[in-house]
mmCIF file of all heavy atoms, coordinates in Angstrom:
data_MODEL
# 
_entry.id   MODEL 
# 
loop_
_atom_site.group_PDB 
_atom_site.id 
_atom_site.type_symbol 
_atom_site.label_atom_id 
_atom_site.label_alt_id 
_atom_site.label_comp_id 
_atom_site.label_asym_id 
_atom_site.label_entity_id 
_atom_site.label_seq_id 
_atom_site.pdbx_PDB_ins_code 
_atom_site.Cartn_x 
_atom_site.Cartn_y 
_atom_site.Cartn_z 
_atom_site.occupancy 
_atom_site.B_iso_or_equiv 
_atom_site.pdbx_formal_charge 
_atom_site.auth_seq_id 
_atom_site.auth_comp_id 
_atom_site.auth_asym_id 
_atom_site.auth_atom_id 
_atom_site.pdbx_PDB_model_num 
ATOM 1   N N   . GLY A 1 1  ? 101.197 122.966 139.003 1.00 0.00 ? 1  GLY A N   1 
ATOM 2   C CA  . GLY A 1 1  ? 101.968 122.664 140.205 1.00 0.00 ? 1  GLY A CA  1 
ATOM 3   C C   . GLY A 1 1  ? 103.200 121.828 139.918 1.00 0.00 ? 1  GLY A C   1 
ATOM 4   O O   . GLY A 1 1  ? 103.806 121.919 138.849 1.00 0.00 ? 1  GLY A O   1 
ATOM 5   N N   . ARG A 1 2  ? 103.582 120.959 140.889 1.00 0.00 ? 2  ARG A N   1 
ATOM 6   C CA  . ARG A 1 2  ? 104.797 120.138 140.773 1.00 0.00 ? 2  ARG A CA  1 
ATOM 7   C C   . ARG A 1 2  ? 104.648 119.157 139.606 1.00 0.00 ? 2  ARG A C   1 
ATOM 8   O O   . ARG A 1 2  ? 103.740 118.318 139.587 1.00 0.00 ? 2  ARG A O   1 
ATOM 9   C CB  . ARG A 1 2  ? 105.045 119.391 142.077 1.00 0.00 ? 2  ARG A CB  1 
ATOM 10  C CG  . ARG A 1 2  ? 106.394 118.669 142.133 1.00 0.00 ? 2  ARG A CG  1 
ATOM 11  C CD  . ARG A 1 2  ? 106.650 118.184 143.547 1.00 0.00 ? 2  ARG A CD  1 
ATOM 12  N NE  . ARG A 1 2  ? 107.951 117.531 143.646 1.00 0.00 ? 2  ARG A NE  1 
ATOM 13  C CZ  . ARG A 1 2  ? 108.138 116.218 143.554 1.00 0.00 ? 2  ARG A CZ  1 
ATOM 14  N NH1 . ARG A 1 2  ? 107.091 115.403 143.364 1.00 0.00 ? 2  ARG A NH1 1 
ATOM 15  N NH2 . ARG A 1 2  ? 109.356 115.692 143.664 1.00 0.00 ? 2  ARG A NH2 1 
ATOM 16  N N   . THR A 1 3  ? 105.522 119.306 138.594 1.00 0.00 ? 3  THR A N   1 
ATOM 17  C CA  . THR A 1 3  ? 105.427 118.517 137.357 1.00 0.00 ? 3  THR A CA  1 
ATOM 18  C C   . THR A 1 3  ? 106.810 117.997 136.975 1.00 0.00 ? 3  THR A C   1 
ATOM 19  O O   . THR A 1 3  ? 107.803 118.713 137.106 1.00 0.00 ? 3  THR A O   1 
ATOM 20  C CB  . THR A 1 3  ? 104.877 119.386 136.209 1.00 0.00 ? 3  THR A CB  1 
ATOM 21  O OG1 . THR A 1 3  ? 103.615 119.922 136.591 1.00 0.00 ? 3  THR A OG1 1 
ATOM 22  C CG2 . THR A 1 3  ? 104.713 118.575 134.935 1.00 0.00 ? 3  THR A CG2 1 
ATOM 23  N N   . PHE A 1 4  ? 106.850 116.741 136.507 1.00 0.00 ? 4  PHE A N   1 
ATOM 24  C CA  . PHE A 1 4  ? 108.104 116.166 136.033 1.00 0.00 ? 4  PHE A CA  1 
ATOM 25  C C   . PHE A 1 4  ? 108.255 116.504 134.553 1.00 0.00 ? 4  PHE A C   1 
ATOM 26  O O   . PHE A 1 4  ? 107.481 116.040 133.712 1.00 0.00 ? 4  PHE A O   1 
ATOM 27  C CB  . PHE A 1 4  ? 108.103 114.644 136.212 1.00 0.00 ? 4  PHE A CB  1 
ATOM 28  C CG  . PHE A 1 4  ? 109.441 114.011 135.965 1.00 0.00 ? 4  PHE A CG  1 
ATOM 29  C CD1 . PHE A 1 4  ? 110.412 113.982 136.962 1.00 0.00 ? 4  PHE A CD1 1 
ATOM 30  C CD2 . PHE A 1 4  ? 109.751 113.456 134.724 1.00 0.00 ? 4  PHE A CD2 1 
ATOM 31  C CE1 . PHE A 1 4  ? 111.647 113.392 136.736 1.00 0.00 ? 4  PHE A CE1 1 
ATOM 32  C CE2 . PHE A 1 4  ? 110.977 112.875 134.490 1.00 0.00 ? 4  PHE A CE2 1 
ATOM 33  C CZ  . PHE A 1 4  ? 111.935 112.848 135.498 1.00 0.00 ? 4  PHE A CZ  1 
ATOM 34  N N   . LYS A 1 5  ? 109.239 117.351 134.232 1.00 0.00 ? 5  LYS A N   1 
ATOM 35  C CA  . LYS A 1 5  ? 109.493 117.769 132.852 1.00 0.00 ? 5  LYS A CA  1 
ATOM 36  C C   . LYS A 1 5  ? 110.432 116.759 132.201 1.00 0.00 ? 5  LYS A C   1 
ATOM 37  O O   . LYS A 1 5  ? 111.611 116.687 132.537 1.00 0.00 ? 5  LYS A O   1 
ATOM 38  C CB  . LYS A 1 5  ? 110.107 119.166 132.821 1.00 0.00 ? 5  LYS A CB  1 
ATOM 39  C CG  . LYS A 1 5  ? 110.307 119.703 131.407 1.00 0.00 ? 5  LYS A CG  1 
ATOM 40  C CD  . LYS A 1 5  ? 110.875 121.111 131.430 1.00 0.00 ? 5  LYS A CD  1 
ATOM 41  C CE  . LYS A 1 5  ? 111.060 121.656 130.021 1.00 0.00 ? 5  LYS A CE  1 
ATOM 42  N NZ  . LYS A 1 5  ? 111.630 123.036 130.048 1.00 0.00 ? 5  LYS A NZ  1 
ATOM 43  N N   . ALA A 1 6  ? 109.886 115.964 131.267 1.00 0.00 ? 6  ALA A N   1 
ATOM 44  C CA  . ALA A 1 6  ? 110.661 114.873 130.672 1.00 0.00 ? 6  ALA A CA  1 
ATOM 45  C C   . ALA A 1 6  ? 111.395 115.332 129.420 1.00 0.00 ? 6  ALA A C   1 
ATOM 46  O O   . ALA A 1 6  ? 110.829 116.019 128.572 1.00 0.00 ? 6  ALA A O   1 
ATOM 47  C CB  . ALA A 1 6  ? 109.729 113.709 130.320 1.00 0.00 ? 6  ALA A CB  1 
ATOM 48  N N   . HIS A 1 7  ? 112.663 114.938 129.333 1.00 0.00 ? 7  HIS A N   1 
ATOM 49  C CA  . HIS A 1 7  ? 113.438 115.188 128.120 1.00 0.00 ? 7  HIS A CA  1 
ATOM 50  C C   . HIS A 1 7  ? 113.372 113.985 127.177 1.00 0.00 ? 7  HIS A C   1 
ATOM 51  O O   . HIS A 1 7  ? 113.648 114.105 125.995 1.00 0.00 ? 7  HIS A O   1 
ATOM 52  C CB  . HIS A 1 7  ? 114.892 115.494 128.483 1.00 0.00 ? 7  HIS A CB  1 
ATOM 53  C CG  . HIS A 1 7  ? 115.039 116.728 129.315 1.00 0.00 ? 7  HIS A CG  1 
ATOM 54  N ND1 . HIS A 1 7  ? 114.806 117.983 128.825 1.00 0.00 ? 7  HIS A ND1 1 
ATOM 55  C CD2 . HIS A 1 7  ? 115.374 116.883 130.627 1.00 0.00 ? 7  HIS A CD2 1 
ATOM 56  C CE1 . HIS A 1 7  ? 114.999 118.882 129.783 1.00 0.00 ? 7  HIS A CE1 1 
ATOM 57  N NE2 . HIS A 1 7  ? 115.337 118.241 130.887 1.00 0.00 ? 7  HIS A NE2 1 
ATOM 58  N N   . SER A 1 8  ? 113.016 112.823 127.716 1.00 0.00 ? 8  SER A N   1 
ATOM 59  C CA  . SER A 1 8  ? 112.847 111.617 126.884 1.00 0.00 ? 8  SER A CA  1 
ATOM 60  C C   . SER A 1 8  ? 111.727 110.779 127.463 1.00 0.00 ? 8  SER A C   1 
ATOM 61  O O   . SER A 1 8  ? 111.461 110.807 128.675 1.00 0.00 ? 8  SER A O   1 
ATOM 62  C CB  . SER A 1 8  ? 114.141 110.807 126.822 1.00 0.00 ? 8  SER A CB  1 
ATOM 63  O OG  . SER A 1 8  ? 114.424 110.227 128.078 1.00 0.00 ? 8  SER A OG  1 
ATOM 64  N N   . LEU A 1 9  ? 111.046 110.024 126.601 1.00 0.00 ? 9  LEU A N   1 
ATOM 65  C CA  . LEU A 1 9  ? 109.934 109.165 127.014 1.00 0.00 ? 9  LEU A CA  1 
ATOM 66  C C   . LEU A 1 9  ? 110.061 107.836 126.278 1.00 0.00 ? 9  LEU A C   1 
ATOM 67  O O   . LEU A 1 9  ? 110.198 107.818 125.059 1.00 0.00 ? 9  LEU A O   1 
ATOM 68  C CB  . LEU A 1 9  ? 108.599 109.836 126.690 1.00 0.00 ? 9  LEU A CB  1 
ATOM 69  C CG  . LEU A 1 9  ? 107.310 109.084 127.032 1.00 0.00 ? 9  LEU A CG  1 
ATOM 70  C CD1 . LEU A 1 9  ? 106.182 110.065 127.337 1.00 0.00 ? 9  LEU A CD1 1 
ATOM 71  C CD2 . LEU A 1 9  ? 106.871 108.138 125.906 1.00 0.00 ? 9  LEU A CD2 1 
ATOM 72  N N   . ILE A 1 10 ? 110.036 106.744 127.032 1.00 0.00 ? 10 ILE A N   1 
ATOM 73  C CA  . ILE A 1 10 ? 110.106 105.405 126.438 1.00 0.00 ? 10 ILE A CA  1 
ATOM 74  C C   . ILE A 1 10 ? 108.906 104.603 126.915 1.00 0.00 ? 10 ILE A C   1 
ATOM 75  O O   . ILE A 1 10 ? 108.601 104.579 128.120 1.00 0.00 ? 10 ILE A O   1 
ATOM 76  C CB  . ILE A 1 10 ? 111.407 104.676 126.836 1.00 0.00 ? 10 ILE A CB  1 
ATOM 77  C CG1 . ILE A 1 10 ? 112.624 105.467 126.314 1.00 0.00 ? 10 ILE A CG1 1 
ATOM 78  C CG2 . ILE A 1 10 ? 111.416 103.246 126.300 1.00 0.00 ? 10 ILE A CG2 1 
ATOM 79  C CD1 . ILE A 1 10 ? 113.948 104.910 126.803 1.00 0.00 ? 10 ILE A CD1 1 
ATOM 80  N N   . VAL A 1 11 ? 108.188 103.974 125.989 1.00 0.00 ? 11 VAL A N   1 
ATOM 81  C CA  . VAL A 1 11 ? 107.081 103.087 126.348 1.00 0.00 ? 11 VAL A CA  1 
ATOM 82  C C   . VAL A 1 11 ? 107.668 101.762 126.803 1.00 0.00 ? 11 VAL A C   1 
ATOM 83  O O   . VAL A 1 11 ? 108.454 101.134 126.084 1.00 0.00 ? 11 VAL A O   1 
ATOM 84  C CB  . VAL A 1 11 ? 106.138 102.876 125.144 1.00 0.00 ? 11 VAL A CB  1 
ATOM 85  C CG1 . VAL A 1 11 ? 105.020 101.908 125.510 1.00 0.00 ? 11 VAL A CG1 1 
ATOM 86  C CG2 . VAL A 1 11 ? 105.560 104.205 124.682 1.00 0.00 ? 11 VAL A CG2 1 
ATOM 87  N N   . ASN A 1 12 ? 107.308 101.322 128.018 1.00 0.00 ? 12 ASN A N   1 
ATOM 88  C CA  . ASN A 1 12 ? 107.975 100.163 128.627 1.00 0.00 ? 12 ASN A CA  1 
ATOM 89  C C   . ASN A 1 12 ? 107.528 98.832  128.040 1.00 0.00 ? 12 ASN A C   1 
ATOM 90  O O   . ASN A 1 12 ? 108.325 97.895  127.954 1.00 0.00 ? 12 ASN A O   1 
ATOM 91  C CB  . ASN A 1 12 ? 107.726 100.149 130.145 1.00 0.00 ? 12 ASN A CB  1 
ATOM 92  C CG  . ASN A 1 12 ? 108.395 101.322 130.829 1.00 0.00 ? 12 ASN A CG  1 
ATOM 93  O OD1 . ASN A 1 12 ? 109.307 101.928 130.273 1.00 0.00 ? 12 ASN A OD1 1 
ATOM 94  N ND2 . ASN A 1 12 ? 107.929 101.656 132.021 1.00 0.00 ? 12 ASN A ND2 1 
ATOM 95  N N   . GLN A 1 13 ? 106.244 98.711  127.675 1.00 0.00 ? 13 GLN A N   1 
ATOM 96  C CA  . GLN A 1 13 ? 105.791 97.417  127.196 1.00 0.00 ? 13 GLN A CA  1 
ATOM 97  C C   . GLN A 1 13 ? 106.399 97.133  125.822 1.00 0.00 ? 13 GLN A C   1 
ATOM 98  O O   . GLN A 1 13 ? 107.014 97.998  125.207 1.00 0.00 ? 13 GLN A O   1 
ATOM 99  C CB  . GLN A 1 13 ? 104.259 97.394  127.120 1.00 0.00 ? 13 GLN A CB  1 
ATOM 100 C CG  . GLN A 1 13 ? 103.677 98.334  126.075 1.00 0.00 ? 13 GLN A CG  1 
ATOM 101 C CD  . GLN A 1 13 ? 102.183 98.533  126.251 1.00 0.00 ? 13 GLN A CD  1 
ATOM 102 O OE1 . GLN A 1 13 ? 101.761 99.465  126.880 1.00 0.00 ? 13 GLN A OE1 1 
ATOM 103 N NE2 . GLN A 1 13 ? 101.395 97.633  125.700 1.00 0.00 ? 13 GLN A NE2 1 
ATOM 104 N N   . ASN A 1 14 ? 106.210 95.906  125.360 1.00 0.00 ? 14 ASN A N   1 
ATOM 105 C CA  . ASN A 1 14 ? 106.718 95.524  124.044 1.00 0.00 ? 14 ASN A CA  1 
ATOM 106 C C   . ASN A 1 14 ? 106.312 96.581  123.023 1.00 0.00 ? 14 ASN A C   1 
ATOM 107 O O   . ASN A 1 14 ? 105.134 96.832  122.808 1.00 0.00 ? 14 ASN A O   1 
ATOM 108 C CB  . ASN A 1 14 ? 106.142 94.160  123.645 1.00 0.00 ? 14 ASN A CB  1 
ATOM 109 C CG  . ASN A 1 14 ? 106.660 93.680  122.305 1.00 0.00 ? 14 ASN A CG  1 
ATOM 110 O OD1 . ASN A 1 14 ? 106.345 94.250  121.278 1.00 0.00 ? 14 ASN A OD1 1 
ATOM 111 N ND2 . ASN A 1 14 ? 107.448 92.615  122.340 1.00 0.00 ? 14 ASN A ND2 1 
ATOM 112 N N   . GLU A 1 15 ? 107.304 97.239  122.405 1.00 0.00 ? 15 GLU A N   1 
ATOM 113 C CA  . GLU A 1 15 ? 107.035 98.376  121.541 1.00 0.00 ? 15 GLU A CA  1 
ATOM 114 C C   . GLU A 1 15 ? 106.147 97.992  120.363 1.00 0.00 ? 15 GLU A C   1 
ATOM 115 O O   . GLU A 1 15 ? 105.208 98.699  120.015 1.00 0.00 ? 15 GLU A O   1 
ATOM 116 C CB  . GLU A 1 15 ? 108.351 98.975  121.034 1.00 0.00 ? 15 GLU A CB  1 
ATOM 117 C CG  . GLU A 1 15 ? 108.159 100.261 120.274 1.00 0.00 ? 15 GLU A CG  1 
ATOM 118 C CD  . GLU A 1 15 ? 109.468 100.836 119.753 1.00 0.00 ? 15 GLU A CD  1 
ATOM 119 O OE1 . GLU A 1 15 ? 110.354 100.037 119.370 1.00 0.00 ? 15 GLU A OE1 1 
ATOM 120 O OE2 . GLU A 1 15 ? 109.603 102.066 119.728 1.00 0.00 ? 15 GLU A OE2 1 
ATOM 121 N N   . LEU A 1 16 ? 106.424 96.841  119.748 1.00 0.00 ? 16 LEU A N   1 
ATOM 122 C CA  . LEU A 1 16 ? 105.638 96.412  118.605 1.00 0.00 ? 16 LEU A CA  1 
ATOM 123 C C   . LEU A 1 16 ? 104.198 96.139  119.023 1.00 0.00 ? 16 LEU A C   1 
ATOM 124 O O   . LEU A 1 16 ? 103.253 96.518  118.323 1.00 0.00 ? 16 LEU A O   1 
ATOM 125 C CB  . LEU A 1 16 ? 106.247 95.157  117.973 1.00 0.00 ? 16 LEU A CB  1 
ATOM 126 C CG  . LEU A 1 16 ? 105.534 94.633  116.721 1.00 0.00 ? 16 LEU A CG  1 
ATOM 127 C CD1 . LEU A 1 16 ? 105.550 95.683  115.614 1.00 0.00 ? 16 LEU A CD1 1 
ATOM 128 C CD2 . LEU A 1 16 ? 106.175 93.329  116.233 1.00 0.00 ? 16 LEU A CD2 1 
ATOM 129 N N   . PHE A 1 17 ? 104.029 95.512  120.199 1.00 0.00 ? 17 PHE A N   1 
ATOM 130 C CA  . PHE A 1 17 ? 102.685 95.245  120.699 1.00 0.00 ? 17 PHE A CA  1 
ATOM 131 C C   . PHE A 1 17 ? 101.932 96.563  120.889 1.00 0.00 ? 17 PHE A C   1 
ATOM 132 O O   . PHE A 1 17 ? 100.766 96.699  120.517 1.00 0.00 ? 17 PHE A O   1 
ATOM 133 C CB  . PHE A 1 17 ? 102.743 94.481  122.027 1.00 0.00 ? 17 PHE A CB  1 
ATOM 134 C CG  . PHE A 1 17 ? 101.389 94.150  122.603 1.00 0.00 ? 17 PHE A CG  1 
ATOM 135 C CD1 . PHE A 1 17 ? 100.762 92.961  122.289 1.00 0.00 ? 17 PHE A CD1 1 
ATOM 136 C CD2 . PHE A 1 17 ? 100.735 95.048  123.431 1.00 0.00 ? 17 PHE A CD2 1 
ATOM 137 C CE1 . PHE A 1 17 ? 99.500  92.670  122.805 1.00 0.00 ? 17 PHE A CE1 1 
ATOM 138 C CE2 . PHE A 1 17 ? 99.478  94.769  123.944 1.00 0.00 ? 17 PHE A CE2 1 
ATOM 139 C CZ  . PHE A 1 17 ? 98.860  93.569  123.633 1.00 0.00 ? 17 PHE A CZ  1 
ATOM 140 N N   . PHE A 1 18 ? 102.617 97.550  121.468 1.00 0.00 ? 18 PHE A N   1 
ATOM 141 C CA  . PHE A 1 18 ? 101.992 98.850  121.744 1.00 0.00 ? 18 PHE A CA  1 
ATOM 142 C C   . PHE A 1 18 ? 101.492 99.496  120.454 1.00 0.00 ? 18 PHE A C   1 
ATOM 143 O O   . PHE A 1 18 ? 100.345 99.938  120.374 1.00 0.00 ? 18 PHE A O   1 
ATOM 144 C CB  . PHE A 1 18 ? 103.007 99.766  122.434 1.00 0.00 ? 18 PHE A CB  1 
ATOM 145 C CG  . PHE A 1 18 ? 102.516 101.175 122.629 1.00 0.00 ? 18 PHE A CG  1 
ATOM 146 C CD1 . PHE A 1 18 ? 101.684 101.496 123.683 1.00 0.00 ? 18 PHE A CD1 1 
ATOM 147 C CD2 . PHE A 1 18 ? 102.887 102.175 121.740 1.00 0.00 ? 18 PHE A CD2 1 
ATOM 148 C CE1 . PHE A 1 18 ? 101.222 102.793 123.863 1.00 0.00 ? 18 PHE A CE1 1 
ATOM 149 C CE2 . PHE A 1 18 ? 102.435 103.477 121.910 1.00 0.00 ? 18 PHE A CE2 1 
ATOM 150 C CZ  . PHE A 1 18 ? 101.597 103.784 122.972 1.00 0.00 ? 18 PHE A CZ  1 
ATOM 151 N N   . PHE A 1 19 ? 102.334 99.537  119.436 1.00 0.00 ? 19 PHE A N   1 
ATOM 152 C CA  . PHE A 1 19 ? 101.955 100.221 118.208 1.00 0.00 ? 19 PHE A CA  1 
ATOM 153 C C   . PHE A 1 19 ? 100.907 99.456  117.408 1.00 0.00 ? 19 PHE A C   1 
ATOM 154 O O   . PHE A 1 19 ? 99.971  100.042 116.877 1.00 0.00 ? 19 PHE A O   1 
ATOM 155 C CB  . PHE A 1 19 ? 103.186 100.502 117.344 1.00 0.00 ? 19 PHE A CB  1 
ATOM 156 C CG  . PHE A 1 19 ? 104.002 101.648 117.840 1.00 0.00 ? 19 PHE A CG  1 
ATOM 157 C CD1 . PHE A 1 19 ? 105.279 101.454 118.336 1.00 0.00 ? 19 PHE A CD1 1 
ATOM 158 C CD2 . PHE A 1 19 ? 103.494 102.929 117.840 1.00 0.00 ? 19 PHE A CD2 1 
ATOM 159 C CE1 . PHE A 1 19 ? 106.030 102.513 118.812 1.00 0.00 ? 19 PHE A CE1 1 
ATOM 160 C CE2 . PHE A 1 19 ? 104.233 104.004 118.309 1.00 0.00 ? 19 PHE A CE2 1 
ATOM 161 C CZ  . PHE A 1 19 ? 105.515 103.792 118.796 1.00 0.00 ? 19 PHE A CZ  1 
ATOM 162 N N   . LEU A 1 20 ? 101.060 98.118  117.336 1.00 0.00 ? 20 LEU A N   1 
ATOM 163 C CA  . LEU A 1 20 ? 100.079 97.339  116.586 1.00 0.00 ? 20 LEU A CA  1 
ATOM 164 C C   . LEU A 1 20 ? 98.712  97.446  117.241 1.00 0.00 ? 20 LEU A C   1 
ATOM 165 O O   . LEU A 1 20 ? 97.690  97.647  116.576 1.00 0.00 ? 20 LEU A O   1 
ATOM 166 C CB  . LEU A 1 20 ? 100.506 95.879  116.497 1.00 0.00 ? 20 LEU A CB  1 
ATOM 167 C CG  . LEU A 1 20 ? 101.681 95.549  115.571 1.00 0.00 ? 20 LEU A CG  1 
ATOM 168 C CD1 . LEU A 1 20 ? 101.948 94.060  115.575 1.00 0.00 ? 20 LEU A CD1 1 
ATOM 169 C CD2 . LEU A 1 20 ? 101.430 96.037  114.154 1.00 0.00 ? 20 LEU A CD2 1 
ATOM 170 N N   . ASN A 1 21 ? 98.681  97.328  118.567 1.00 0.00 ? 21 ASN A N   1 
ATOM 171 C CA  . ASN A 1 21 ? 97.414  97.303  119.280 1.00 0.00 ? 21 ASN A CA  1 
ATOM 172 C C   . ASN A 1 21 ? 96.750  98.675  119.347 1.00 0.00 ? 21 ASN A C   1 
ATOM 173 O O   . ASN A 1 21 ? 95.536  98.789  119.269 1.00 0.00 ? 21 ASN A O   1 
ATOM 174 C CB  . ASN A 1 21 ? 97.644  96.749  120.698 1.00 0.00 ? 21 ASN A CB  1 
ATOM 175 C CG  . ASN A 1 21 ? 96.355  96.735  121.517 1.00 0.00 ? 21 ASN A CG  1 
ATOM 176 O OD1 . ASN A 1 21 ? 96.339  97.187  122.652 1.00 0.00 ? 21 ASN A OD1 1 
ATOM 177 N ND2 . ASN A 1 21 ? 95.290  96.247  120.946 1.00 0.00 ? 21 ASN A ND2 1 
ATOM 178 N N   . ARG A 1 22 ? 97.545  99.730  119.453 1.00 0.00 ? 22 ARG A N   1 
ATOM 179 C CA  . ARG A 1 22 ? 96.968  101.051 119.707 1.00 0.00 ? 22 ARG A CA  1 
ATOM 180 C C   . ARG A 1 22 ? 96.969  101.980 118.503 1.00 0.00 ? 22 ARG A C   1 
ATOM 181 O O   . ARG A 1 22 ? 96.181  102.923 118.452 1.00 0.00 ? 22 ARG A O   1 
ATOM 182 C CB  . ARG A 1 22 ? 97.721  101.739 120.848 1.00 0.00 ? 22 ARG A CB  1 
ATOM 183 C CG  . ARG A 1 22 ? 97.629  100.983 122.154 1.00 0.00 ? 22 ARG A CG  1 
ATOM 184 C CD  . ARG A 1 22 ? 98.024  101.875 123.290 1.00 0.00 ? 22 ARG A CD  1 
ATOM 185 N NE  . ARG A 1 22 ? 97.955  101.164 124.555 1.00 0.00 ? 22 ARG A NE  1 
ATOM 186 C CZ  . ARG A 1 22 ? 97.821  101.750 125.713 1.00 0.00 ? 22 ARG A CZ  1 
ATOM 187 N NH1 . ARG A 1 22 ? 97.731  103.052 125.778 1.00 0.00 ? 22 ARG A NH1 1 
ATOM 188 N NH2 . ARG A 1 22 ? 97.796  101.050 126.826 1.00 0.00 ? 22 ARG A NH2 1 
ATOM 189 N N   . VAL A 1 23 ? 97.870  101.769 117.584 1.00 0.00 ? 23 VAL A N   1 
ATOM 190 C CA  . VAL A 1 23 ? 98.042  102.731 116.493 1.00 0.00 ? 23 VAL A CA  1 
ATOM 191 C C   . VAL A 1 23 ? 97.594  102.169 115.149 1.00 0.00 ? 23 VAL A C   1 
ATOM 192 O O   . VAL A 1 23 ? 96.911  102.849 114.382 1.00 0.00 ? 23 VAL A O   1 
ATOM 193 C CB  . VAL A 1 23 ? 99.510  103.203 116.412 1.00 0.00 ? 23 VAL A CB  1 
ATOM 194 C CG1 . VAL A 1 23 ? 99.674  104.219 115.296 1.00 0.00 ? 23 VAL A CG1 1 
ATOM 195 C CG2 . VAL A 1 23 ? 99.959  103.791 117.741 1.00 0.00 ? 23 VAL A CG2 1 
ATOM 196 N N   . VAL A 1 24 ? 98.009  100.939 114.835 1.00 0.00 ? 24 VAL A N   1 
ATOM 197 C CA  . VAL A 1 24 ? 97.727  100.366 113.516 1.00 0.00 ? 24 VAL A CA  1 
ATOM 198 C C   . VAL A 1 24 ? 96.309  99.804  113.484 1.00 0.00 ? 24 VAL A C   1 
ATOM 199 O O   . VAL A 1 24 ? 95.935  99.001  114.333 1.00 0.00 ? 24 VAL A O   1 
ATOM 200 C CB  . VAL A 1 24 ? 98.747  99.262  113.168 1.00 0.00 ? 24 VAL A CB  1 
ATOM 201 C CG1 . VAL A 1 24 ? 98.497  98.754  111.755 1.00 0.00 ? 24 VAL A CG1 1 
ATOM 202 C CG2 . VAL A 1 24 ? 100.161 99.786  113.306 1.00 0.00 ? 24 VAL A CG2 1 
ATOM 203 N N   . LYS A 1 25 ? 95.531  100.228 112.490 1.00 0.00 ? 25 LYS A N   1 
ATOM 204 C CA  . LYS A 1 25 ? 94.141  99.788  112.403 1.00 0.00 ? 25 LYS A CA  1 
ATOM 205 C C   . LYS A 1 25 ? 94.051  98.296  112.076 1.00 0.00 ? 25 LYS A C   1 
ATOM 206 O O   . LYS A 1 25 ? 94.758  97.802  111.208 1.00 0.00 ? 25 LYS A O   1 
ATOM 207 C CB  . LYS A 1 25 ? 93.413  100.607 111.327 1.00 0.00 ? 25 LYS A CB  1 
ATOM 208 C CG  . LYS A 1 25 ? 93.241  102.068 111.689 1.00 0.00 ? 25 LYS A CG  1 
ATOM 209 C CD  . LYS A 1 25 ? 92.518  102.822 110.586 1.00 0.00 ? 25 LYS A CD  1 
ATOM 210 C CE  . LYS A 1 25 ? 92.352  104.291 110.954 1.00 0.00 ? 25 LYS A CE  1 
ATOM 211 N NZ  . LYS A 1 25 ? 91.669  105.069 109.895 1.00 0.00 ? 25 LYS A NZ  1 
ATOM 212 N N   . GLY A 1 26 ? 93.168  97.608  112.810 1.00 0.00 ? 26 GLY A N   1 
ATOM 213 C CA  . GLY A 1 26 ? 92.899  96.202  112.518 1.00 0.00 ? 26 GLY A CA  1 
ATOM 214 C C   . GLY A 1 26 ? 93.514  95.209  113.478 1.00 0.00 ? 26 GLY A C   1 
ATOM 215 O O   . GLY A 1 26 ? 93.089  94.053  113.546 1.00 0.00 ? 26 GLY A O   1 
ATOM 216 N N   . PHE A 1 27 ? 94.530  95.614  114.237 1.00 0.00 ? 27 PHE A N   1 
ATOM 217 C CA  . PHE A 1 27 ? 95.215  94.692  115.138 1.00 0.00 ? 27 PHE A CA  1 
ATOM 218 C C   . PHE A 1 27 ? 94.592  94.777  116.537 1.00 0.00 ? 27 PHE A C   1 
ATOM 219 O O   . PHE A 1 27 ? 94.817  95.736  117.274 1.00 0.00 ? 27 PHE A O   1 
ATOM 220 C CB  . PHE A 1 27 ? 96.714  95.020  115.219 1.00 0.00 ? 27 PHE A CB  1 
ATOM 221 C CG  . PHE A 1 27 ? 97.492  94.625  114.004 1.00 0.00 ? 27 PHE A CG  1 
ATOM 222 C CD1 . PHE A 1 27 ? 97.584  95.470  112.921 1.00 0.00 ? 27 PHE A CD1 1 
ATOM 223 C CD2 . PHE A 1 27 ? 98.118  93.379  113.936 1.00 0.00 ? 27 PHE A CD2 1 
ATOM 224 C CE1 . PHE A 1 27 ? 98.302  95.110  111.789 1.00 0.00 ? 27 PHE A CE1 1 
ATOM 225 C CE2 . PHE A 1 27 ? 98.839  93.000  112.812 1.00 0.00 ? 27 PHE A CE2 1 
ATOM 226 C CZ  . PHE A 1 27 ? 98.934  93.864  111.732 1.00 0.00 ? 27 PHE A CZ  1 
# 
C-alpha cells in the first residue's frame, strides 16, 4: 500500500553511539 520510498536515510541519534551499541561487539 501507501509507502514512503526513501532516496536517503540518516540515523538521528548520535551516530557513534548507534554503531558502537548496535553493531560493534562488546559495547
